[in-house]
């Protein structure tokens, strides 16, 4: 399983997202056909539960490979004093 963290999804993904804003960061998980689907689901579930990622898109590619795109909101802290 390959993980790739993307700052913006527009240039690295084949299909750009409709609204390209800086409020989200993206994570792309690519699973080869030789890997078990249960392992991929466990990895997506762990990212969602512990890393606060949400599943944005899941795609089954030609040849049986799977790609999951996850996103999470970037929280920016402003200085109060």
Foldseek 3Di string as FASTA:
>chain_A
DDKDKAQWDQPVDPDHDPDTDRFKTKMKDKAAQVDDPVVVVVVVVCCCPPVVKAWDDWDQDPPGMIMTMIMDTDDDDDDDD
